[in-house]
Protein backbone atom coordinates (compact mmCIF):
# COMPACT_ATOMS: atom_id res chain seq x y z
CA MET A 1 117.20 150.39 68.60
CA ASP A 2 116.58 147.71 71.11
CA GLN A 3 115.26 144.50 69.65
CA SER A 4 113.99 141.74 71.85
CA SER A 5 112.84 138.24 71.11
CA ALA A 6 111.24 135.56 73.21
CA ASN A 7 113.44 132.48 73.39
CA VAL A 8 111.32 129.72 74.87
CA ASP A 9 112.94 126.40 75.75
CA ILE A 10 110.20 123.95 74.89
CA LYS A 11 112.51 121.02 75.71
CA LYS A 12 112.76 121.89 79.39
CA LYS A 13 112.63 118.82 81.57
CA GLN A 14 109.31 118.23 83.27
CA GLN A 15 109.51 119.09 86.96
CA GLN A 16 107.87 116.88 89.58
CA GLU A 17 105.83 119.65 91.19
CA ALA A 18 102.27 120.34 92.11
CA PRO A 19 100.42 121.86 89.14
CA THR A 20 100.64 125.64 88.95
CA PRO A 21 99.77 128.16 86.24
CA GLN A 22 103.45 128.06 85.29
CA ASN A 23 103.93 124.32 84.82
CA THR A 24 100.44 123.17 83.83
CA PRO A 25 100.46 121.98 80.20
CA ILE A 26 98.80 124.30 77.70
CA PHE A 27 96.86 121.48 76.07
CA SER A 28 94.83 119.41 78.51
CA ALA A 29 93.23 117.25 75.81
CA PRO A 30 95.21 114.69 73.77
CA ILE A 31 97.19 116.41 71.05
CA ASN A 32 97.38 113.49 68.68
CA PRO A 33 94.29 111.17 68.65
CA SER A 34 96.35 108.40 67.08
CA VAL A 35 98.48 108.02 70.21
CA PRO A 36 97.53 104.75 71.91
CA ALA A 37 96.00 105.06 75.37
CA SER A 38 96.91 101.70 76.92
CA GLU A 39 98.97 101.69 80.11
CA GLU A 40 101.84 99.94 78.38
CA ASP A 41 101.83 102.45 75.56
CA MET A 42 101.55 105.36 78.01
CA GLU A 43 104.66 104.15 79.77
CA THR A 44 106.42 104.11 76.44
CA ILE A 45 105.32 107.68 75.70
CA GLN A 46 106.70 108.92 79.00
CA THR A 47 110.19 107.53 78.43
CA PRO A 48 112.96 110.18 78.24
CA GLY A 49 113.27 111.92 74.90
CA THR A 50 109.88 110.82 73.54
CA ARG A 51 108.37 114.32 73.82
CA GLU A 52 111.30 115.72 71.89
CA ASN A 53 110.78 113.13 69.17
CA ILE A 54 107.08 113.98 68.94
CA LEU A 55 107.82 117.69 68.56
CA ALA A 56 110.62 117.05 66.09
CA SER A 57 108.37 114.90 63.92
CA ASN A 58 105.52 117.43 64.01
CA PRO A 59 106.81 120.86 62.93
CA GLN A 60 103.28 122.33 62.83
CA LEU A 61 102.74 121.42 66.49
CA LEU A 62 106.14 122.85 67.39
CA SER A 63 105.41 126.13 65.61
CA MET A 64 101.98 126.43 67.26
CA LEU A 65 103.43 125.70 70.68
CA GLN A 66 106.18 128.28 70.26
CA GLY A 67 103.63 130.85 69.17
CA ARG A 68 101.46 130.20 72.19
CA LEU A 69 104.38 130.38 74.61
CA GLY A 70 105.87 133.44 72.91
CA GLY A 71 102.58 135.28 73.26
CA LEU A 72 102.76 134.93 77.04
CA VAL A 73 106.05 136.80 77.34
CA GLY A 74 105.52 140.39 78.49
CA ALA A 75 101.75 140.00 78.63
CA PRO A 76 99.96 141.87 81.44
CA SER A 77 98.87 139.73 84.35
CA GLY A 78 95.35 141.16 84.43
CA TYR A 79 95.65 141.77 88.17
CA LEU A 80 94.84 145.48 87.83
CA GLN A 81 91.47 144.71 86.26
CA THR A 82 90.52 142.61 89.27
CA LEU A 83 90.92 145.53 91.68
CA GLY A 84 88.09 147.65 92.91
CA PRO A 85 87.38 151.20 91.66
CA ASP A 86 88.91 152.82 94.77
CA VAL A 87 92.18 150.93 94.33
CA ARG A 88 92.31 151.69 90.60
CA ARG A 89 91.79 155.36 91.44
CA ARG A 90 94.86 155.27 93.71
CA VAL A 91 96.84 153.57 90.94
CA LYS A 92 96.01 156.49 88.66
CA GLY A 93 97.30 158.80 91.37
CA LEU A 94 100.59 156.89 91.40
CA LYS A 95 100.82 157.30 87.63
CA SER A 96 100.43 161.05 88.09
CA LEU A 97 103.32 161.06 90.57
CA GLN A 98 105.41 159.07 88.08
CA HIS A 99 104.72 161.65 85.37
CA LYS A 100 105.98 164.40 87.68
CA HIS A 101 109.02 162.29 88.53
CA ALA A 102 109.79 161.82 84.82
CA ALA A 103 109.60 165.59 84.31
CA LEU A 104 112.11 166.11 87.12
CA GLU A 105 114.38 163.45 85.63
CA ALA A 106 114.30 165.32 82.31
CA ASP A 107 115.24 168.56 84.06
CA PHE A 108 118.03 166.70 85.87
CA GLN A 109 119.54 165.45 82.59
CA LYS A 110 119.28 168.91 81.03
CA GLU A 111 121.09 170.46 84.00
CA ILE A 112 123.83 167.83 83.72
CA LEU A 113 124.28 168.74 80.05
CA ALA A 114 124.40 172.43 80.98
CA LEU A 115 127.08 171.65 83.58
CA GLU A 116 129.11 169.71 81.03
CA LYS A 117 128.99 172.71 78.69
CA LYS A 118 129.91 175.09 81.52
CA TYR A 119 132.92 173.11 82.64
CA LEU A 120 134.08 172.45 79.09
CA GLU A 121 134.55 176.21 78.81
CA LEU A 122 136.65 176.09 81.99
CA TYR A 123 138.66 173.12 80.69
CA THR A 124 139.31 174.71 77.29
CA PRO A 125 142.22 176.97 78.38
CA LEU A 126 143.94 173.89 79.85
CA TYR A 127 143.37 171.96 76.62
CA GLN A 128 144.79 174.85 74.61
CA LYS A 129 147.93 174.87 76.76
CA ARG A 130 148.21 171.11 76.38
CA SER A 131 148.09 171.49 72.61
CA GLU A 132 150.84 174.12 72.73
CA TYR A 133 153.11 171.90 74.83
CA VAL A 134 152.44 168.82 72.68
CA ASN A 135 153.14 170.65 69.41
CA GLY A 136 156.17 172.61 70.62
CA LYS A 137 154.54 176.04 70.48
CA ALA A 138 155.18 176.74 74.16
CA GLU A 139 157.05 175.31 77.13
CA PRO A 140 155.63 174.55 80.60
CA THR A 141 156.64 176.82 83.45
CA ASP A 142 159.00 175.69 86.20
CA ALA A 143 156.07 175.67 88.62
CA GLU A 144 154.08 173.40 86.33
CA VAL A 145 157.02 171.04 85.95
CA GLU A 146 157.52 170.90 89.70
CA ASP A 147 153.82 170.26 90.23
CA GLY A 148 153.92 167.53 87.57
CA VAL A 149 156.59 165.53 89.43
CA SER A 150 155.26 166.11 92.92
CA ASP A 151 154.06 162.53 93.09
CA GLY A 152 157.60 161.27 92.47
CA GLU A 153 156.68 159.13 89.46
CA GLU A 154 159.21 160.70 87.10
CA GLU A 155 161.95 161.77 89.52
CA GLU A 156 163.71 158.39 89.42
CA GLU A 157 163.67 158.35 85.63
CA GLU A 158 165.26 161.81 85.53
CA LYS A 159 168.06 160.73 87.86
CA GLU A 160 168.94 157.84 85.53
CA GLU A 161 169.25 160.07 82.48
CA ASP A 162 172.75 160.42 81.05
CA ASP A 163 174.31 163.90 81.07
CA ASP A 164 175.24 163.49 77.42
CA GLU A 165 171.54 163.65 76.56
CA LYS A 166 171.71 167.43 76.91
CA ASP A 167 173.77 167.54 73.73
CA SER A 168 171.34 165.35 71.77
CA GLU A 169 169.24 166.63 68.88
CA LYS A 170 166.53 169.05 69.94
CA VAL A 171 162.97 167.73 69.66
CA GLU A 172 159.94 169.98 69.49
CA GLY A 173 156.91 169.15 71.55
CA ILE A 174 156.00 165.53 72.26
CA PRO A 175 156.27 163.39 69.10
CA GLU A 176 153.43 160.95 68.35
CA PHE A 177 151.55 162.07 71.45
CA TRP A 178 147.99 161.40 70.24
CA LEU A 179 148.97 158.23 68.39
CA THR A 180 150.39 156.87 71.64
CA VAL A 181 147.27 157.99 73.52
CA LEU A 182 144.92 156.16 71.16
CA LYS A 183 147.06 153.03 70.98
CA SER A 184 147.12 152.86 74.78
CA HIS A 185 143.33 152.66 74.93
CA PRO A 186 142.01 149.08 74.67
CA GLN A 187 139.11 149.97 72.38
CA PHE A 188 141.17 151.98 69.91
CA THR A 189 144.26 149.81 69.76
CA ASP A 190 142.07 147.11 68.18
CA VAL A 191 141.00 149.36 65.29
CA ILE A 192 144.36 151.01 64.51
CA THR A 193 146.27 149.16 61.80
CA GLU A 194 149.96 149.46 60.97
CA LYS A 195 149.11 151.54 57.90
CA ASP A 196 147.04 153.90 60.06
CA GLU A 197 149.93 154.66 62.39
CA ASP A 198 151.92 156.65 59.84
CA ALA A 199 148.91 158.87 59.17
CA LEU A 200 148.04 159.24 62.87
CA LYS A 201 151.54 160.52 63.58
CA HIS A 202 150.25 163.76 62.04
CA LEU A 203 147.36 164.01 64.53
CA VAL A 204 148.13 167.15 66.54
CA ASP A 205 144.97 167.59 68.64
CA ILE A 206 141.54 166.17 69.51
CA ARG A 207 138.94 168.70 70.66
CA LEU A 208 135.47 168.31 72.12
CA SER A 209 132.58 170.73 71.62
CA TYR A 210 128.86 170.90 72.28
CA PHE A 211 126.18 172.69 70.32
CA GLU A 212 122.70 173.99 71.02
CA LYS A 213 120.91 170.73 70.30
CA PRO A 214 121.76 167.73 72.51
CA GLY A 215 124.87 166.03 71.18
CA PHE A 216 128.60 166.59 70.84
CA ARG A 217 131.33 166.89 68.21
CA LEU A 218 134.91 165.58 68.13
CA ASP A 219 137.45 167.41 65.97
CA PHE A 220 140.68 165.67 64.94
CA GLU A 221 143.24 168.21 63.75
CA PHE A 222 146.05 167.01 61.47
CA SER A 223 149.23 168.56 60.23
CA PRO A 224 149.93 168.43 56.45
CA ASN A 225 150.48 164.83 55.42
CA GLU A 226 150.70 162.58 52.36
CA TYR A 227 147.39 160.81 52.95
CA PHE A 228 144.57 163.38 52.77
CA THR A 229 144.05 167.08 52.22
CA ASN A 230 141.70 167.65 55.17
CA THR A 231 143.19 169.60 58.06
CA THR A 232 140.33 168.64 60.40
CA LEU A 233 138.24 165.46 60.49
CA SER A 234 135.07 165.74 62.59
CA LYS A 235 132.60 163.26 64.04
CA THR A 236 129.27 164.49 65.40
CA TYR A 237 126.92 162.47 67.60
CA PHE A 238 123.25 163.46 67.66
CA TYR A 239 120.63 162.60 70.28
CA GLN A 240 116.92 162.22 69.74
CA GLU A 241 114.75 165.23 70.52
CA GLU A 242 112.54 163.29 72.92
CA LEU A 243 114.13 162.00 76.10
CA GLY A 244 114.12 158.32 77.01
CA TYR A 245 112.04 156.52 79.61
CA GLY A 246 114.49 157.39 82.40
CA GLY A 247 114.68 161.03 81.37
CA ASP A 248 118.08 160.59 79.73
CA PHE A 249 119.15 161.49 76.21
CA VAL A 250 118.83 158.76 73.60
CA TYR A 251 121.48 158.38 70.90
CA ASP A 252 120.09 158.81 67.41
CA HIS A 253 122.84 158.82 64.79
CA ALA A 254 126.32 160.10 63.91
CA GLU A 255 127.83 161.97 60.99
CA GLY A 256 131.47 162.18 59.93
CA THR A 257 133.64 164.25 57.64
CA LYS A 258 134.24 162.92 54.14
CA ILE A 259 137.96 162.26 53.87
CA GLU A 260 139.61 163.72 50.78
CA TRP A 261 142.20 161.04 50.13
CA LYS A 262 145.18 161.78 47.98
CA GLU A 263 145.69 159.59 44.93
CA GLY A 264 146.82 156.10 45.88
CA LYS A 265 146.73 156.88 49.63
CA ASP A 266 143.21 155.80 50.55
CA LEU A 267 143.64 153.65 53.67
CA SER A 268 140.00 152.57 53.61
CA VAL A 269 140.45 150.39 50.53
CA THR A 270 142.88 147.85 49.19
CA ILE A 271 143.67 147.45 45.50
CA GLU A 272 143.72 143.81 44.42
CA THR A 273 145.49 143.08 41.15
CA LYS A 274 144.61 140.01 39.09
CA LYS A 275 145.74 138.79 35.69
CA GLN A 276 143.15 137.60 33.18
CA ARG A 277 143.94 135.57 30.05
CA HIS A 278 141.74 135.80 26.95
CA LYS A 279 140.74 132.33 25.78
CA GLY A 280 140.73 133.22 22.10
CA THR A 281 143.78 135.45 21.69
CA ASN A 282 145.66 134.08 24.71
CA LYS A 283 146.55 137.65 25.64
CA THR A 284 146.68 138.68 29.30
CA ARG A 285 145.48 141.84 30.96
CA VAL A 286 145.75 143.23 34.47
CA VAL A 287 142.49 143.90 36.31
CA LYS A 288 142.42 146.04 39.44
CA LYS A 289 139.64 145.65 41.99
CA THR A 290 138.94 147.90 44.96
CA VAL A 291 138.18 146.03 48.19
CA PRO A 292 137.22 147.67 51.53
CA ALA A 293 140.00 147.53 54.14
CA GLU A 294 139.94 147.74 57.90
CA THR A 295 141.19 151.11 59.11
CA PHE A 296 140.83 153.50 62.03
CA PHE A 297 139.57 156.12 59.60
CA SER A 298 136.32 154.18 59.13
CA PHE A 299 135.45 155.94 62.40
CA PHE A 300 134.50 158.96 60.26
CA THR A 301 132.08 156.87 58.19
CA PRO A 302 129.68 155.72 60.91
CA PRO A 303 127.20 152.88 60.38
CA VAL A 304 123.68 153.88 59.45
CA ALA A 305 120.59 152.04 60.63
CA PRO A 306 118.16 151.17 57.80
CA GLU A 307 114.84 153.01 57.99
CA ASN A 308 112.94 149.81 57.24
CA GLU A 309 113.80 146.53 58.97
CA ASP A 310 112.93 144.70 55.76
CA GLU A 311 115.90 146.43 54.12
CA ILE A 312 118.40 144.73 56.44
CA ASP A 313 120.60 142.35 54.45
CA ASP A 314 123.02 139.69 55.62
CA GLU A 315 125.83 142.21 56.06
CA ASP A 316 123.71 144.41 58.35
CA GLU A 317 122.35 141.71 60.64
CA ASP A 318 124.67 142.97 63.36
CA ILE A 319 123.84 146.64 62.76
CA ASP A 320 122.85 147.14 66.40
CA GLU A 321 126.25 145.95 67.57
CA LYS A 322 127.99 148.23 65.06
CA LEU A 323 125.96 151.25 66.19
CA GLU A 324 126.64 150.49 69.84
CA ALA A 325 130.37 150.03 69.25
CA ASP A 326 130.59 153.25 67.23
CA TYR A 327 128.81 155.25 69.91
CA GLY A 328 131.00 153.65 72.58
CA LEU A 329 134.14 154.95 70.85
CA GLY A 330 132.70 158.46 70.82
CA GLU A 331 131.79 158.28 74.49
CA GLU A 332 135.29 157.09 75.42
CA LEU A 333 136.84 159.99 73.55
CA LYS A 334 134.47 162.48 75.19
CA ASP A 335 134.58 161.18 78.75
CA SER A 336 138.03 159.63 79.07
CA ILE A 337 140.57 160.24 76.32
CA VAL A 338 140.19 163.98 75.77
CA PRO A 339 140.00 164.90 79.49
CA ARG A 340 142.84 162.57 80.58
CA ALA A 341 145.06 162.30 77.52
CA ILE A 342 148.33 162.53 79.49
CA ASP A 343 147.28 159.60 81.70
CA TRP A 344 146.71 157.46 78.62
CA PHE A 345 150.03 158.62 77.16
CA THR A 346 151.97 157.60 80.28
CA GLY A 347 149.89 154.46 80.86
CA LYS A 348 148.60 155.66 84.22
CA ALA A 349 144.96 155.41 83.10
CA LEU A 350 145.51 151.84 81.93
CA GLN A 351 147.04 150.92 85.30
CA TYR A 352 143.94 152.13 87.08
CA GLN A 353 141.77 150.19 84.66
CA ASP A 354 143.83 147.03 85.22
CA ASN A 355 143.53 147.51 88.98
CA ASP A 356 139.76 147.71 88.71
CA ASP A 357 139.66 144.50 86.67
CA GLN A 358 142.03 142.82 89.13
CA TYR A 359 139.82 143.90 92.02
CA ASP A 360 136.80 142.35 90.36
CA ASP A 361 138.71 139.11 89.75
CA ASP A 362 139.94 139.00 93.35
CA PHE A 363 136.45 139.67 94.63
CA GLU A 364 135.03 136.76 92.68
CA TYR A 365 137.94 134.57 93.71
CA GLU A 366 137.36 135.33 97.37
CA ASP A 367 133.71 134.41 96.98
CA ASP A 368 134.74 131.09 95.48
CA GLU A 369 137.13 130.49 98.36
CA GLU A 370 134.42 131.23 100.89
CA GLU A 371 132.05 128.83 99.17
CA GLU A 372 134.72 126.16 99.04
CA GLY A 373 135.53 126.82 102.67
CA ASP A 374 131.90 126.38 103.61
CA ASP A 375 131.85 123.05 101.81
CA ASP A 376 134.99 121.99 103.64
CA ASP A 377 133.44 122.94 106.95
CA ASP A 378 130.40 120.88 106.10
CA ASP A 379 132.63 117.94 105.25
CA GLU A 380 134.49 118.33 108.52
CA ASP A 381 131.22 118.45 110.41
CA ASP A 382 130.13 115.26 108.67
CA ASP A 383 133.39 113.59 109.61
CA ASP A 384 133.17 114.74 113.21
CA ASP A 385 129.63 113.53 113.61
CA ASP A 386 130.66 110.14 112.23
CA LEU A 387 127.04 109.09 112.15
CA PRO A 388 126.19 105.66 110.72
CA ALA A 389 124.46 105.55 107.42
CA LYS A 390 120.91 104.33 107.17
CA GLY A 391 120.77 100.55 107.51
CA GLU A 392 124.21 100.28 109.16
CA LYS A 393 124.99 99.48 112.75
CA ALA A 394 126.80 101.94 114.92
CA PRO A 395 130.44 100.98 115.55
CA GLU A 396 130.98 99.15 118.77
CA CYS A 397 132.89 100.84 121.53
CA LYS A 398 135.74 98.54 122.48
CA GLN A 399 137.44 99.17 125.81
CA GLN A 400 141.00 98.01 126.27
């Protein structure tokens, strides 16, 4: 739902340029007949800030001017209508080629989706093994362990382990694996509250699946817990049936599982308790009020765009941002978290992300240095030339 608006700066300073279609005033005749036309008065009108005062004191003129300027944004130039019939015929031929190109783009996107489905089937056995290792249902083979430390990242840590650790209490699987994964991701760590963490400790797996229509589903599997009775919470993202301008799939909406909260364990609300005193009897009573609370589990209650723009209230003014953020979380789970969960658990994925950000910062910093260096070179050149300024005499050459 892209919404655009024309923001026209009507207070832009007048440029001293030759008149062009871009800077020629819209109104060539006097706007206000009561404005005096003497030279002295004209000089007064042209003093800085006077135009702003005129517009500020005349809201009708300001509104009309904004409407005229806003109507020019995105308007066709009319150049095509000035071309001859032979040229317009060739333009129609180009449109035909573009239609064929769009059809190929659509096929390209469909093949990409088919490849994603194909390789998800190949990934699934690996994901199943991962789930078994995480939940203590199976142990990795010696070959897998050796392959896992081939890069030497964990060898030093193993050497530092104390021998007495062998006698410590046995732990099944990898405790709090998915909670650690989600908290390591920048976008999810912002939406996970302290209350959520205890419930997310029971998260045992996150699975990705596709279905016949364009879209994808994320399944969050939980072990029995004190917060809700659901064993699986799902979030499904749907695309529009028609492809976008570039031939890609366009996000339409999302649907989530209704969470069956146990009594007094709903993390999506907070109970506020207030005491009220009756004026006549002076008796007090306790009133409980349910207030929405921030929680990770709001992820399963996605925002919904109103069908009619007139229905948008103050709370939904930022609905586009909410929809974009919600879809972004789903994309991160699909493309990054589920495929590379172990890298997020160990922090390796975050290190790569930090390196990318650092590279961008360094790149910009080097550009700034180059620009500053160029300025310094110019200054040095000016000093070396040591040319006299206009109106000054050149320094005399005194011989000893």
